[in-house]
């Protein structure tokens, strides 16, 4: 099932929070409440959301799994190219953080050809993939486990802050025109902030659908990362910010 981008984002936000109001969605996506009501009605008609007074609620765990499956299927070829490019940048025997996301899971699959990696992650899918390699050391953060395999919460932040690694491999839900890195879950953002802060180099994996995409929680500026790997050139405004902050752009 393919949803329009805004409806996909509304579903994501409802999944993360459990409930979202029409007013906050209208403000977050810079549209009218009537537009949000129409989106909610269409999602509810498909059984993906439950309409409530003044907003919408996530329908069930099966809705959450569907949302994850949709993310995994979107921009699949582009994510694969990004993953291959980032994996080629990582030397054997490096230490890595890998955060939550279907793009970072694609990177993990590409890393299976490496030797002697030490991986610290808050992503159950990444840990499961990479722990199959006998010469890899995989450390999994503790905390609250989400339905998509992400691990969040203060325990995860505290765990990450114990380390200093060579590379942070991070994904994000959106990049605003002002260069803000955006996501939907403030707990996930706090873990990603710790991951970036405790790595010598931060590599951002972002397919082109994320440029200009709205989300409600700000991680920080794109200037926090050292390289951006993507499948198509960003807007002129974002590109100017990358040049200004000496963030290397890798087009794949």
Protein backbone atom coordinates (compact mmCIF):
# COMPACT_ATOMS: atom_id res chain seq x y z
CA UNK A 1 0.00 0.00 0.00
CA UNK A 2 1.39 3.39 -0.99
CA UNK A 3 0.17 6.47 0.86
CA UNK A 4 0.65 10.14 -0.02
CA UNK A 5 3.66 11.50 1.92
CA UNK A 6 1.63 13.59 4.39
CA UNK A 7 -0.72 10.74 5.20
CA UNK A 8 2.24 8.43 5.66
CA UNK A 9 3.75 10.93 8.12
CA UNK A 10 0.45 11.29 10.01
CA UNK A 11 0.29 7.52 10.38
CA UNK A 12 3.88 7.46 11.61
CA UNK A 13 3.22 10.13 14.20
CA UNK A 14 0.06 8.41 15.44
CA UNK A 15 1.97 5.16 15.72
CA UNK A 16 4.71 6.79 17.81
CA UNK A 17 2.44 8.81 20.10
CA UNK A 18 -0.67 6.67 20.18
CA UNK A 19 -2.84 9.78 19.67
CA UNK A 20 -2.50 12.95 17.58
CA UNK A 21 -4.75 16.00 17.51
CA UNK A 22 -6.00 17.73 14.39
CA UNK A 23 -4.66 21.08 15.58
CA UNK A 24 -1.10 19.87 16.16
CA UNK A 25 -1.05 18.06 12.82
CA UNK A 26 -2.33 21.13 10.99
CA UNK A 27 0.44 23.20 12.56
CA UNK A 28 3.14 20.58 11.95
CA UNK A 29 2.29 20.14 8.27
CA UNK A 30 1.33 23.79 7.61
CA UNK A 31 -2.11 22.90 6.24
CA UNK A 32 -5.68 23.62 7.33
CA UNK A 33 -7.53 21.52 9.91
CA UNK A 34 -9.97 20.59 7.14
CA UNK A 35 -7.13 19.05 5.14
CA UNK A 36 -6.00 17.03 8.18
CA UNK A 37 -9.57 15.84 8.81
CA UNK A 38 -9.75 14.65 5.21
CA UNK A 39 -6.44 12.79 5.61
CA UNK A 40 -7.61 11.18 8.84
CA UNK A 41 -10.90 10.14 7.28
CA UNK A 42 -9.11 8.48 4.38
CA UNK A 43 -6.70 6.67 6.69
CA UNK A 44 -9.56 5.57 8.91
CA UNK A 45 -11.51 4.29 5.91
CA UNK A 46 -8.51 2.07 5.12
CA UNK A 47 -8.44 0.78 8.69
CA UNK A 48 -5.08 2.39 9.45
CA UNK A 49 -6.25 4.94 12.04
CA UNK A 50 -9.17 5.28 14.43
CA UNK A 51 -11.01 8.61 14.33
CA UNK A 52 -11.47 10.28 17.71
CA UNK A 53 -12.95 13.59 18.81
CA UNK A 54 -10.43 16.22 17.71
CA UNK A 55 -7.87 13.81 16.35
CA UNK A 56 -6.92 10.22 15.63
CA UNK A 57 -5.45 7.23 17.44
CA UNK A 58 -3.28 4.37 16.28
CA UNK A 59 -5.55 1.44 15.54
CA UNK A 60 -3.50 -1.50 16.83
CA UNK A 61 -0.16 -3.24 16.82
CA UNK A 62 -1.03 -4.59 13.37
CA UNK A 63 -1.25 -0.99 12.15
CA UNK A 64 2.20 -0.35 13.57
CA UNK A 65 3.63 -3.36 11.75
CA UNK A 66 2.04 -2.21 8.50
CA UNK A 67 3.62 1.21 8.92
CA UNK A 68 7.05 -0.38 9.38
CA UNK A 69 6.53 -2.59 6.32
CA UNK A 70 5.60 0.44 4.24
CA UNK A 71 8.76 2.25 5.31
CA UNK A 72 10.90 -0.75 4.43
CA UNK A 73 9.41 -0.91 0.94
CA UNK A 74 9.72 2.77 0.07
CA UNK A 75 12.70 3.96 -2.02
CA UNK A 76 14.18 0.46 -1.76
CA UNK A 77 16.66 0.78 -4.65
CA UNK A 78 17.80 4.22 -3.52
CA UNK A 79 18.35 3.00 0.03
CA UNK A 80 20.39 0.11 -1.31
CA UNK A 81 22.69 2.43 -3.26
CA UNK A 82 23.12 4.67 -0.22
CA UNK A 83 23.86 1.65 1.96
CA UNK A 84 26.51 0.34 -0.42
CA UNK A 85 28.22 3.75 -0.59
CA UNK A 86 28.36 4.13 3.18
CA UNK A 87 29.58 0.57 3.72
CA UNK A 88 32.40 1.24 1.23
CA UNK A 89 33.43 4.21 3.39
CA UNK A 90 33.78 2.08 6.55
CA UNK A 91 37.14 0.33 7.07
CA UNK A 92 37.52 -3.09 8.60
CA UNK A 93 37.94 -3.18 12.40
CA UNK A 94 36.12 0.14 12.89
CA UNK A 95 33.75 0.94 15.76
CA UNK A 96 30.25 2.11 14.86
CA UNK A 97 26.99 3.43 16.20
CA UNK A 98 23.94 2.51 14.08
CA UNK A 99 20.56 4.05 14.90
CA UNK A 100 16.93 3.22 14.10
CA UNK A 101 15.69 3.15 10.51
CA UNK A 102 15.14 1.03 7.44
CA UNK A 103 18.03 2.74 5.65
CA UNK A 104 20.46 1.96 8.47
CA UNK A 105 19.20 -1.64 8.37
CA UNK A 106 20.16 -1.73 4.69
CA UNK A 107 23.61 -0.44 5.66
CA UNK A 108 23.93 -3.23 8.22
CA UNK A 109 23.34 -5.83 5.52
CA UNK A 110 26.07 -4.26 3.39
CA UNK A 111 28.51 -4.36 6.33
CA UNK A 112 28.38 -8.16 6.53
CA UNK A 113 31.30 -8.29 4.11
CA UNK A 114 33.53 -6.42 6.54
CA UNK A 115 35.90 -7.81 9.17
CA UNK A 116 36.26 -7.16 12.88
CA UNK A 117 33.63 -4.46 13.34
CA UNK A 118 32.42 -3.35 16.77
CA UNK A 119 28.78 -2.20 16.53
CA UNK A 120 26.69 -0.43 19.15
CA UNK A 121 23.06 -0.02 18.21
CA UNK A 122 19.54 0.70 19.47
CA UNK A 123 18.02 -1.22 16.55
CA UNK A 124 17.01 -4.84 17.15
CA UNK A 125 17.00 -5.62 13.41
CA UNK A 126 20.56 -4.33 13.01
CA UNK A 127 21.74 -6.33 16.02
CA UNK A 128 20.12 -9.50 14.70
CA UNK A 129 21.69 -9.10 11.26
CA UNK A 130 25.22 -8.27 12.40
CA UNK A 131 25.45 -10.71 15.31
CA UNK A 132 25.54 -13.51 12.71
CA UNK A 133 29.18 -12.57 11.97
CA UNK A 134 31.49 -14.39 14.39
CA UNK A 135 34.20 -11.71 14.15
CA UNK A 136 31.80 -8.83 14.91
CA UNK A 137 31.15 -7.57 18.42
CA UNK A 138 27.58 -6.30 18.70
CA UNK A 139 26.34 -4.34 21.72
CA UNK A 140 22.62 -3.62 22.05
CA UNK A 141 21.28 -0.67 24.05
CA UNK A 142 18.67 -1.32 26.70
CA UNK A 143 15.43 0.59 27.05
CA UNK A 144 11.87 0.58 25.74
CA UNK A 145 11.42 -1.62 22.67
CA UNK A 146 9.09 -0.22 19.98
CA UNK A 147 7.08 -2.35 17.59
CA UNK A 148 9.49 -1.53 14.75
CA UNK A 149 12.49 -2.90 16.66
CA UNK A 150 13.80 0.47 17.80
CA UNK A 151 14.99 0.87 21.40
CA UNK A 152 14.47 4.26 23.05
CA UNK A 153 14.38 5.91 26.46
CA UNK A 154 16.84 7.23 29.03
CA UNK A 155 18.47 3.83 29.53
CA UNK A 156 19.39 3.77 25.83
CA UNK A 157 20.82 7.31 26.03
CA UNK A 158 22.88 6.43 29.11
CA UNK A 159 24.22 3.30 27.41
CA UNK A 160 25.29 5.17 24.26
CA UNK A 161 27.06 7.85 26.29
CA UNK A 162 29.50 5.29 27.68
CA UNK A 163 31.26 4.99 24.31
CA UNK A 164 33.34 6.99 21.83
CA UNK A 165 33.37 5.38 18.38
CA UNK A 166 34.82 5.98 14.94
CA UNK A 167 31.57 6.41 13.00
CA UNK A 168 27.91 7.13 13.64
CA UNK A 169 25.67 5.77 10.88
CA UNK A 170 22.38 7.59 11.24
CA UNK A 171 19.09 7.91 9.43
CA UNK A 172 16.47 10.62 9.83
CA UNK A 173 12.81 11.11 8.87
CA UNK A 174 13.16 14.55 7.30
CA UNK A 175 15.42 17.52 6.57
CA UNK A 176 13.77 20.93 6.60
CA UNK A 177 14.73 23.68 4.18
CA UNK A 178 16.50 25.45 7.05
CA UNK A 179 18.74 22.41 7.55
CA UNK A 180 16.95 21.02 10.62
CA UNK A 181 17.11 17.25 11.02
CA UNK A 182 13.58 16.12 11.94
CA UNK A 183 11.96 13.01 13.36
CA UNK A 184 8.69 11.92 14.95
CA UNK A 185 9.66 10.46 18.34
CA UNK A 186 11.41 12.71 20.83
CA UNK A 187 12.80 9.67 22.66
CA UNK A 188 14.35 8.37 19.44
CA UNK A 189 15.80 11.82 18.78
CA UNK A 190 17.49 11.91 22.18
CA UNK A 191 19.25 8.62 21.46
CA UNK A 192 20.30 9.81 17.99
CA UNK A 193 21.68 13.03 19.49
CA UNK A 194 23.84 10.98 21.88
CA UNK A 195 24.98 8.78 18.98
CA UNK A 196 26.14 11.78 16.93
CA UNK A 197 27.80 13.50 19.89
CA UNK A 198 29.87 10.43 20.76
CA UNK A 199 31.23 9.60 17.32
CA UNK A 200 34.33 10.98 15.61
CA UNK A 201 32.49 11.11 12.27
CA UNK A 202 28.74 11.18 11.67
CA UNK A 203 27.48 9.83 8.34
CA UNK A 204 23.87 10.67 7.50
CA UNK A 205 21.98 8.25 5.25
CA UNK A 206 18.97 9.97 3.71
CA UNK A 207 17.06 9.17 0.55
CA UNK A 208 15.81 12.11 -1.50
CA UNK A 209 12.19 11.76 -0.32
CA UNK A 210 13.30 13.08 3.08
CA UNK A 211 14.36 16.51 1.80
CA UNK A 212 11.69 19.05 2.72
CA UNK A 213 9.69 16.40 4.59
CA UNK A 214 7.91 17.57 7.74
CA UNK A 215 8.24 15.97 11.16
CA UNK A 216 7.64 17.47 14.57
CA UNK A 217 10.80 16.81 16.62
CA UNK A 218 14.07 18.60 15.86
CA UNK A 219 17.28 16.64 16.36
CA UNK A 220 19.54 19.56 15.44
CA UNK A 221 21.18 21.08 12.40
CA UNK A 222 22.57 19.18 9.44
CA UNK A 223 25.85 20.85 10.43
CA UNK A 224 26.12 18.18 13.17
CA UNK A 225 27.07 15.54 10.60
CA UNK A 226 30.24 15.20 8.54
CA UNK A 227 28.86 13.59 5.39
CA UNK A 228 25.45 13.22 3.78
CA UNK A 229 24.82 10.22 1.53
CA UNK A 230 21.78 10.53 -0.73
CA UNK A 231 20.47 9.50 -4.15
CA UNK A 232 19.65 12.97 -5.58
CA UNK A 233 20.82 16.53 -5.09
CA UNK A 234 18.99 18.47 -2.36
CA UNK A 235 17.45 21.90 -2.86
CA UNK A 236 19.69 24.91 -3.40
CA UNK A 237 18.95 26.12 0.16
CA UNK A 238 20.02 22.85 1.75
CA UNK A 239 23.03 22.55 -0.52
CA UNK A 240 24.17 26.05 0.50
CA UNK A 241 24.01 24.97 4.16
CA UNK A 242 26.09 21.88 3.43
CA UNK A 243 28.73 23.97 1.70
CA UNK A 244 28.68 26.62 4.44
CA UNK A 245 29.22 24.05 7.19
CA UNK A 246 31.67 21.95 5.15
CA UNK A 247 29.43 18.90 5.18
CA UNK A 248 30.50 16.60 2.34
CA UNK A 249 27.69 15.55 -0.01
CA UNK A 250 27.93 12.05 -1.51
CA UNK A 251 25.51 11.48 -4.41
CA UNK A 252 24.99 7.81 -5.27
